[in-house]
Amino acid sequence: PAELKPQSSAAADLPSFVRLHGFLSKSDPHDAG
């Protein structure tokens, strides 16, 4: 989700059990892995 960028207010309001991984591109080998 683009709305949950690091340091955004939306991300900061999430509970501690939520783990954010950002956008992972399948065209990038590291992200795909």
PDB file of all heavy atoms in Angstrom:
ATOM      1  N   PRO A   1       0.803  -1.229   0.000  1.00  0.00           N
ATOM      2  CA  PRO A   1       0.000   0.000   0.000  1.00  0.00           C
ATOM      3  C   PRO A   1       0.834   1.277   0.000  1.00  0.00           C
ATOM      4  O   PRO A   1       1.721   1.456   0.842  1.00  0.00           O
ATOM      5  CB  PRO A   1      -0.808  -0.104   1.302  1.00  0.00           C
ATOM      6  CG  PRO A   1      -0.845  -1.554   1.610  1.00  0.00           C
ATOM      7  CD  PRO A   1       0.468  -2.096   1.136  1.00  0.00           C
ATOM      8  N   ALA A   2       0.521   2.154  -0.954  1.00  0.00           N
ATOM      9  CA  ALA A   2       1.233   3.436  -1.033  1.00  0.00           C
ATOM     10  C   ALA A   2       0.889   4.329   0.148  1.00  0.00           C
ATOM     11  O   ALA A   2       1.686   5.200   0.530  1.00  0.00           O
ATOM     12  CB  ALA A   2       0.877   4.138  -2.344  1.00  0.00           C
ATOM     13  N   GLU A   3      -0.297   4.127   0.731  1.00  0.00           N
ATOM     14  CA  GLU A   3      -0.714   4.986   1.853  1.00  0.00           C
ATOM     15  C   GLU A   3       0.132   4.775   3.106  1.00  0.00           C
ATOM     16  O   GLU A   3       0.178   5.635   3.980  1.00  0.00           O
ATOM     17  CB  GLU A   3      -2.178   4.715   2.222  1.00  0.00           C
ATOM     18  CG  GLU A   3      -3.173   4.973   1.104  1.00  0.00           C
ATOM     19  CD  GLU A   3      -3.584   3.679   0.430  1.00  0.00           C
ATOM     20  OE1 GLU A   3      -2.691   2.864   0.105  1.00  0.00           O
ATOM     21  OE2 GLU A   3      -4.800   3.478   0.238  1.00  0.00           O
ATOM     22  N   LEU A   4       0.804   3.621   3.194  1.00  0.00           N
ATOM     23  CA  LEU A   4       1.542   3.280   4.416  1.00  0.00           C
ATOM     24  C   LEU A   4       3.039   3.459   4.233  1.00  0.00           C
ATOM     25  O   LEU A   4       3.838   2.586   4.577  1.00  0.00           O
ATOM     26  CB  LEU A   4       1.222   1.838   4.819  1.00  0.00           C
ATOM     27  CG  LEU A   4      -0.253   1.520   5.051  1.00  0.00           C
ATOM     28  CD1 LEU A   4      -0.422   0.076   5.491  1.00  0.00           C
ATOM     29  CD2 LEU A   4      -0.856   2.465   6.086  1.00  0.00           C
ATOM     30  N   LYS A   5       3.426   4.600   3.712  1.00  0.00           N
ATOM     31  CA  LYS A   5       4.846   4.885   3.549  1.00  0.00           C
ATOM     32  C   LYS A   5       5.507   5.051   4.911  1.00  0.00           C
ATOM     33  O   LYS A   5       4.865   5.460   5.871  1.00  0.00           O
ATOM     34  CB  LYS A   5       5.036   6.160   2.718  1.00  0.00           C
ATOM     35  CG  LYS A   5       4.581   6.023   1.276  1.00  0.00           C
ATOM     36  CD  LYS A   5       4.789   7.325   0.515  1.00  0.00           C
ATOM     37  CE  LYS A   5       4.331   7.188  -0.936  1.00  0.00           C
ATOM     38  NZ  LYS A   5       4.488   8.453  -1.692  1.00  0.00           N
ATOM     39  N   PRO A   6       6.806   4.729   5.017  1.00  0.00           N
ATOM     40  CA  PRO A   6       7.500   4.888   6.300  1.00  0.00           C
ATOM     41  C   PRO A   6       7.376   6.321   6.829  1.00  0.00           C
ATOM     42  O   PRO A   6       7.410   7.283   6.069  1.00  0.00           O
ATOM     43  CB  PRO A   6       8.952   4.552   5.948  1.00  0.00           C
ATOM     44  CG  PRO A   6       8.850   3.663   4.753  1.00  0.00           C
ATOM     45  CD  PRO A   6       7.661   4.152   3.982  1.00  0.00           C
ATOM     46  N   GLN A   7       7.218   6.444   8.122  1.00  0.00           N
ATOM     47  CA  GLN A   7       7.079   7.724   8.808  1.00  0.00           C
ATOM     48  C   GLN A   7       5.770   8.462   8.496  1.00  0.00           C
ATOM     49  O   GLN A   7       5.589   9.601   8.937  1.00  0.00           O
ATOM     50  CB  GLN A   7       8.265   8.678   8.505  1.00  0.00           C
ATOM     51  CG  GLN A   7       9.559   8.294   9.210  1.00  0.00           C
ATOM     52  CD  GLN A   7      10.281   7.156   8.545  1.00  0.00           C
ATOM     53  OE1 GLN A   7      10.524   7.180   7.341  1.00  0.00           O
ATOM     54  NE2 GLN A   7      10.625   6.142   9.318  1.00  0.00           N
ATOM     55  N   SER A   8       4.875   7.846   7.745  1.00  0.00           N
ATOM     56  CA  SER A   8       3.585   8.485   7.501  1.00  0.00           C
ATOM     57  C   SER A   8       2.701   8.324   8.734  1.00  0.00           C
ATOM     58  O   SER A   8       2.885   7.415   9.541  1.00  0.00           O
ATOM     59  CB  SER A   8       2.892   7.865   6.285  1.00  0.00           C
ATOM     60  OG  SER A   8       2.512   6.530   6.549  1.00  0.00           O
ATOM     61  N   SER A   9       1.728   9.218   8.879  1.00  0.00           N
ATOM     62  CA  SER A   9       0.837   9.154  10.036  1.00  0.00           C
ATOM     63  C   SER A   9       0.005   7.874  10.010  1.00  0.00           C
ATOM     64  O   SER A   9      -0.280   7.279  11.056  1.00  0.00           O
ATOM     65  CB  SER A   9      -0.079  10.384  10.065  1.00  0.00           C
ATOM     66  OG  SER A   9      -0.846  10.470   8.866  1.00  0.00           O
ATOM     67  N   ALA A  10      -0.384   7.437   8.791  1.00  0.00           N
ATOM     68  CA  ALA A  10      -1.175   6.207   8.672  1.00  0.00           C
ATOM     69  C   ALA A  10      -0.383   5.005   9.162  1.00  0.00           C
ATOM     70  O   ALA A  10      -0.922   4.128   9.842  1.00  0.00           O
ATOM     71  CB  ALA A  10      -1.609   6.004   7.224  1.00  0.00           C
ATOM     72  N   ALA A  11       0.914   4.963   8.833  1.00  0.00           N
ATOM     73  CA  ALA A  11       1.756   3.858   9.287  1.00  0.00           C
ATOM     74  C   ALA A  11       1.976   3.925  10.790  1.00  0.00           C
ATOM     75  O   ALA A  11       1.984   2.894  11.480  1.00  0.00           O
ATOM     76  CB  ALA A  11       3.085   3.881   8.548  1.00  0.00           C
ATOM     77  N   ALA A  12       2.155   5.117  11.311  1.00  0.00           N
ATOM     78  CA  ALA A  12       2.411   5.282  12.745  1.00  0.00           C
ATOM     79  C   ALA A  12       1.213   4.873  13.588  1.00  0.00           C
ATOM     80  O   ALA A  12       1.380   4.479  14.755  1.00  0.00           O
ATOM     81  CB  ALA A  12       2.788   6.733  13.033  1.00  0.00           C
ATOM     82  N   ASP A  13       0.012   4.955  13.039  1.00  0.00           N
ATOM     83  CA  ASP A  13      -1.198   4.636  13.795  1.00  0.00           C
ATOM     84  C   ASP A  13      -1.496   3.138  13.856  1.00  0.00           C
ATOM     85  O   ASP A  13      -2.417   2.719  14.563  1.00  0.00           O
ATOM     86  CB  ASP A  13      -2.407   5.352  13.170  1.00  0.00           C
ATOM     87  CG  ASP A  13      -2.358   6.863  13.377  1.00  0.00           C
ATOM     88  OD1 ASP A  13      -1.655   7.306  14.309  1.00  0.00           O
ATOM     89  OD2 ASP A  13      -3.020   7.586  12.609  1.00  0.00           O
ATOM     90  N   LEU A  14      -0.742   2.330  13.129  1.00  0.00           N
ATOM     91  CA  LEU A  14      -1.007   0.894  13.103  1.00  0.00           C
ATOM     92  C   LEU A  14      -0.544   0.224  14.395  1.00  0.00           C
ATOM     93  O   LEU A  14       0.435   0.650  15.011  1.00  0.00           O
ATOM     94  CB  LEU A  14      -0.309   0.259  11.912  1.00  0.00           C
ATOM     95  CG  LEU A  14      -0.845   0.650  10.522  1.00  0.00           C
ATOM     96  CD1 LEU A  14       0.066   0.098   9.436  1.00  0.00           C
ATOM     97  CD2 LEU A  14      -2.269   0.131  10.332  1.00  0.00           C
ATOM     98  N   PRO A  15      -1.216  -0.845  14.798  1.00  0.00           N
ATOM     99  CA  PRO A  15      -0.806  -1.577  16.001  1.00  0.00           C
ATOM    100  C   PRO A  15       0.581  -2.208  15.838  1.00  0.00           C
ATOM    101  O   PRO A  15       1.068  -2.393  14.716  1.00  0.00           O
ATOM    102  CB  PRO A  15      -1.884  -2.658  16.154  1.00  0.00           C
ATOM    103  CG  PRO A  15      -3.034  -2.190  15.328  1.00  0.00           C
ATOM    104  CD  PRO A  15      -2.452  -1.396  14.205  1.00  0.00           C
ATOM    105  N   SER A  16       1.179  -2.590  16.949  1.00  0.00           N
ATOM    106  CA  SER A  16       2.538  -3.120  16.928  1.00  0.00           C
ATOM    107  C   SER A  16       2.633  -4.480  16.255  1.00  0.00           C
ATOM    108  O   SER A  16       3.728  -4.891  15.823  1.00  0.00           O
ATOM    109  CB  SER A  16       3.073  -3.232  18.359  1.00  0.00           C
ATOM    110  OG  SER A  16       2.239  -4.094  19.129  1.00  0.00           O
ATOM    111  N   PHE A  17       1.510  -5.197  16.115  1.00  0.00           N
ATOM    112  CA  PHE A  17       1.576  -6.519  15.484  1.00  0.00           C
ATOM    113  C   PHE A  17       1.574  -6.439  13.952  1.00  0.00           C
ATOM    114  O   PHE A  17       1.660  -7.468  13.279  1.00  0.00           O
ATOM    115  CB  PHE A  17       0.423  -7.422  15.954  1.00  0.00           C
ATOM    116  CG  PHE A  17      -0.968  -6.885  15.697  1.00  0.00           C
ATOM    117  CD1 PHE A  17      -1.537  -6.930  14.430  1.00  0.00           C
ATOM    118  CD2 PHE A  17      -1.698  -6.319  16.726  1.00  0.00           C
ATOM    119  CE1 PHE A  17      -2.810  -6.442  14.190  1.00  0.00           C
ATOM    120  CE2 PHE A  17      -2.979  -5.824  16.496  1.00  0.00           C
ATOM    121  CZ  PHE A  17      -3.533  -5.889  15.230  1.00  0.00           C
ATOM    122  N   VAL A  18       1.486  -5.241  13.386  1.00  0.00           N
ATOM    123  CA  VAL A  18       1.522  -5.060  11.930  1.00  0.00           C
ATOM    124  C   VAL A  18       2.964  -4.844  11.484  1.00  0.00           C
ATOM    125  O   VAL A  18       3.669  -3.988  12.026  1.00  0.00           O
ATOM    126  CB  VAL A  18       0.646  -3.877  11.484  1.00  0.00           C
ATOM    127  CG1 VAL A  18       0.734  -3.694   9.975  1.00  0.00           C
ATOM    128  CG2 VAL A  18      -0.801  -4.089  11.914  1.00  0.00           C
ATOM    129  N   ARG A  19       3.410  -5.604  10.520  1.00  0.00           N
ATOM    130  CA  ARG A  19       4.761  -5.489   9.969  1.00  0.00           C
ATOM    131  C   ARG A  19       4.666  -4.978   8.532  1.00  0.00           C
ATOM    132  O   ARG A  19       4.048  -5.620   7.673  1.00  0.00           O
ATOM    133  CB  ARG A  19       5.470  -6.844   9.978  1.00  0.00           C
ATOM    134  CG  ARG A  19       5.440  -7.559  11.325  1.00  0.00           C
ATOM    135  CD  ARG A  19       6.445  -6.951  12.301  1.00  0.00           C
ATOM    136  NE  ARG A  19       6.580  -7.805  13.472  1.00  0.00           N
ATOM    137  CZ  ARG A  19       5.868  -7.670  14.584  1.00  0.00           C
ATOM    138  NH1 ARG A  19       4.948  -6.717  14.652  1.00  0.00           N
ATOM    139  NH2 ARG A  19       6.069  -8.473  15.617  1.00  0.00           N
ATOM    140  N   LEU A  20       5.278  -3.843   8.244  1.00  0.00           N
ATOM    141  CA  LEU A  20       5.220  -3.229   6.920  1.00  0.00           C
ATOM    142  C   LEU A  20       6.459  -3.593   6.104  1.00  0.00           C
ATOM    143  O   LEU A  20       7.586  -3.416   6.571  1.00  0.00           O
ATOM    144  CB  LEU A  20       5.101  -1.714   7.034  1.00  0.00           C
ATOM    145  CG  LEU A  20       3.860  -1.184   7.778  1.00  0.00           C
ATOM    146  CD1 LEU A  20       3.902   0.335   7.854  1.00  0.00           C
ATOM    147  CD2 LEU A  20       2.587  -1.649   7.095  1.00  0.00           C
ATOM    148  N   HIS A  21       6.242  -4.063   4.882  1.00  0.00           N
ATOM    149  CA  HIS A  21       7.345  -4.465   4.012  1.00  0.00           C
ATOM    150  C   HIS A  21       7.475  -3.569   2.788  1.00  0.00           C
ATOM    151  O   HIS A  21       8.343  -3.811   1.941  1.00  0.00           O
ATOM    152  CB  HIS A  21       7.150  -5.916   3.565  1.00  0.00           C
ATOM    153  CG  HIS A  21       7.169  -6.898   4.699  1.00  0.00           C
ATOM    154  ND1 HIS A  21       8.317  -7.506   5.145  1.00  0.00           N
ATOM    155  CD2 HIS A  21       6.168  -7.355   5.498  1.00  0.00           C
ATOM    156  CE1 HIS A  21       8.032  -8.311   6.157  1.00  0.00           C
ATOM    157  NE2 HIS A  21       6.728  -8.242   6.394  1.00  0.00           N
ATOM    158  N   GLY A  22       6.620  -2.545   2.676  1.00  0.00           N
ATOM    159  CA  GLY A  22       6.682  -1.651   1.532  1.00  0.00           C
ATOM    160  C   GLY A  22       6.235  -2.334   0.252  1.00  0.00           C
ATOM    161  O   GLY A  22       5.603  -3.389   0.270  1.00  0.00           O
ATOM    162  N   PHE A  23       6.597  -1.732  -0.875  1.00  0.00           N
ATOM    163  CA  PHE A  23       6.249  -2.304  -2.181  1.00  0.00           C
ATOM    164  C   PHE A  23       7.371  -3.222  -2.627  1.00  0.00           C
ATOM    165  O   PHE A  23       8.548  -2.841  -2.637  1.00  0.00           O
ATOM    166  CB  PHE A  23       6.039  -1.200  -3.207  1.00  0.00           C
ATOM    167  CG  PHE A  23       5.772  -1.713  -4.598  1.00  0.00           C
ATOM    168  CD1 PHE A  23       4.533  -2.223  -4.940  1.00  0.00           C
ATOM    169  CD2 PHE A  23       6.774  -1.696  -5.556  1.00  0.00           C
ATOM    170  CE1 PHE A  23       4.285  -2.716  -6.213  1.00  0.00           C
ATOM    171  CE2 PHE A  23       6.539  -2.176  -6.832  1.00  0.00           C
ATOM    172  CZ  PHE A  23       5.287  -2.691  -7.150  1.00  0.00           C
ATOM    173  N   LEU A  24       7.033  -4.447  -2.988  1.00  0.00           N
ATOM    174  CA  LEU A  24       8.014  -5.413  -3.468  1.00  0.00           C
ATOM    175  C   LEU A  24       7.749  -5.705  -4.935  1.00  0.00           C
ATOM    176  O   LEU A  24       6.681  -6.197  -5.291  1.00  0.00           O
ATOM    177  CB  LEU A  24       7.930  -6.708  -2.644  1.00  0.00           C
ATOM    178  CG  LEU A  24       8.239  -6.573  -1.147  1.00  0.00           C
ATOM    179  CD1 LEU A  24       8.057  -7.913  -0.440  1.00  0.00           C
ATOM    180  CD2 LEU A  24       9.655  -6.041  -0.923  1.00  0.00           C
ATOM    181  N   SER A  25       8.706  -5.383  -5.787  1.00  0.00           N
ATOM    182  CA  SER A  25       8.557  -5.558  -7.230  1.00  0.00           C
ATOM    183  C   SER A  25       9.020  -6.946  -7.654  1.00  0.00           C
ATOM    184  O   SER A  25      10.140  -7.366  -7.329  1.00  0.00           O
ATOM    185  CB  SER A  25       9.365  -4.494  -7.974  1.00  0.00           C
ATOM    186  OG  SER A  25       9.377  -4.753  -9.362  1.00  0.00           O
ATOM    187  N   LYS A  26       8.173  -7.642  -8.394  1.00  0.00           N
ATOM    188  CA  LYS A  26       8.535  -8.971  -8.877  1.00  0.00           C
ATOM    189  C   LYS A  26       9.640  -8.912  -9.925  1.00  0.00           C
ATOM    190  O   LYS A  26      10.292  -9.928 -10.190  1.00  0.00           O
ATOM    191  CB  LYS A  26       7.308  -9.666  -9.461  1.00  0.00           C
ATOM    192  CG  LYS A  26       6.257 -10.018  -8.421  1.00  0.00           C
ATOM    193  CD  LYS A  26       5.017 -10.564  -9.085  1.00  0.00           C
ATOM    194  CE  LYS A  26       3.929 -10.812  -8.057  1.00  0.00           C
ATOM    195  NZ  LYS A  26       2.646 -11.168  -8.687  1.00  0.00           N
ATOM    196  N   SER A  27       9.831  -7.746 -10.530  1.00  0.00           N
ATOM    197  CA  SER A  27      10.883  -7.616 -11.538  1.00  0.00           C
ATOM    198  C   SER A  27      12.264  -7.412 -10.915  1.00  0.00           C
ATOM    199  O   SER A  27      13.275  -7.483 -11.601  1.00  0.00           O
ATOM    200  CB  SER A  27      10.568  -6.440 -12.479  1.00  0.00           C
ATOM    201  OG  SER A  27      10.505  -5.225 -11.762  1.00  0.00           O
ATOM    202  N   ASP A  28      12.296  -7.173  -9.614  1.00  0.00           N
ATOM    203  CA  ASP A  28      13.558  -7.017  -8.892  1.00  0.00           C
ATOM    204  C   ASP A  28      13.876  -8.337  -8.182  1.00  0.00           C
ATOM    205  O   ASP A  28      13.083  -8.807  -7.372  1.00  0.00           O
ATOM    206  CB  ASP A  28      13.453  -5.888  -7.874  1.00  0.00           C
ATOM    207  CG  ASP A  28      14.733  -5.704  -7.090  1.00  0.00           C
ATOM    208  OD1 ASP A  28      14.920  -6.416  -6.083  1.00  0.00           O
ATOM    209  OD2 ASP A  28      15.546  -4.844  -7.471  1.00  0.00           O
ATOM    210  N   PRO A  29      15.001  -8.974  -8.471  1.00  0.00           N
ATOM    211  CA  PRO A  29      15.305 -10.288  -7.888  1.00  0.00           C
ATOM    212  C   PRO A  29      15.265 -10.302  -6.362  1.00  0.00           C
ATOM    213  O   PRO A  29      14.766 -11.259  -5.761  1.00  0.00           O
ATOM    214  CB  PRO A  29      16.715 -10.591  -8.417  1.00  0.00           C
ATOM    215  CG  PRO A  29      16.819  -9.796  -9.691  1.00  0.00           C
ATOM    216  CD  PRO A  29      16.030  -8.545  -9.434  1.00  0.00           C
ATOM    217  N   HIS A  30      15.787  -9.248  -5.727  1.00  0.00           N
ATOM    218  CA  HIS A  30      15.786  -9.198  -4.261  1.00  0.00           C
ATOM    219  C   HIS A  30      14.363  -9.112  -3.724  1.00  0.00           C
ATOM    220  O   HIS A  30      13.987  -9.845  -2.789  1.00  0.00           O
ATOM    221  CB  HIS A  30      16.606  -7.995  -3.779  1.00  0.00           C
ATOM    222  CG  HIS A  30      16.643  -7.867  -2.276  1.00  0.00           C
ATOM    223  ND1 HIS A  30      15.704  -7.126  -1.572  1.00  0.00           N
ATOM    224  CD2 HIS A  30      17.485  -8.401  -1.363  1.00  0.00           C
ATOM    225  CE1 HIS A  30      15.973  -7.207  -0.286  1.00  0.00           C
ATOM    226  NE2 HIS A  30      17.051  -7.973  -0.130  1.00  0.00           N
ATOM    227  N   ASP A  31      13.562  -8.233  -4.316  1.00  0.00           N
ATOM    228  CA  ASP A  31      12.170  -8.093  -3.890  1.00  0.00           C
ATOM    229  C   ASP A  31      11.377  -9.368  -4.145  1.00  0.00           C
ATOM    230  O   ASP A  31      10.555  -9.788  -3.322  1.00  0.00           O
ATOM    231  CB  ASP A  31      11.503  -6.925  -4.616  1.00  0.00           C
ATOM    232  CG  ASP A  31      11.927  -5.573  -4.062  1.00  0.00           C
ATOM    233  OD1 ASP A  31      12.756  -5.546  -3.129  1.00  0.00           O
ATOM    234  OD2 ASP A  31      11.435  -4.550  -4.573  1.00  0.00           O
ATOM    235  N   ALA A  32      11.616  -9.983  -5.311  1.00  0.00           N
ATOM    236  CA  ALA A  32      10.900 -11.217  -5.644  1.00  0.00           C
ATOM    237  C   ALA A  32      11.221 -12.316  -4.638  1.00  0.00           C
ATOM    238  O   ALA A  32      10.337 -13.085  -4.230  1.00  0.00           O
ATOM    239  CB  ALA A  32      11.254 -11.665  -7.060  1.00  0.00           C
ATOM    240  N   GLY A  33      12.478 -12.388  -4.220  1.00  0.00           N
ATOM    241  CA  GLY A  33      12.865 -13.374  -3.218  1.00  0.00           C
ATOM    242  C   GLY A  33      12.211 -13.114  -1.878  1.00  0.00           C
ATOM    243  O   GLY A  33      11.776 -14.049  -1.193  1.00  0.00           O
TER     244      GLY A  33
END
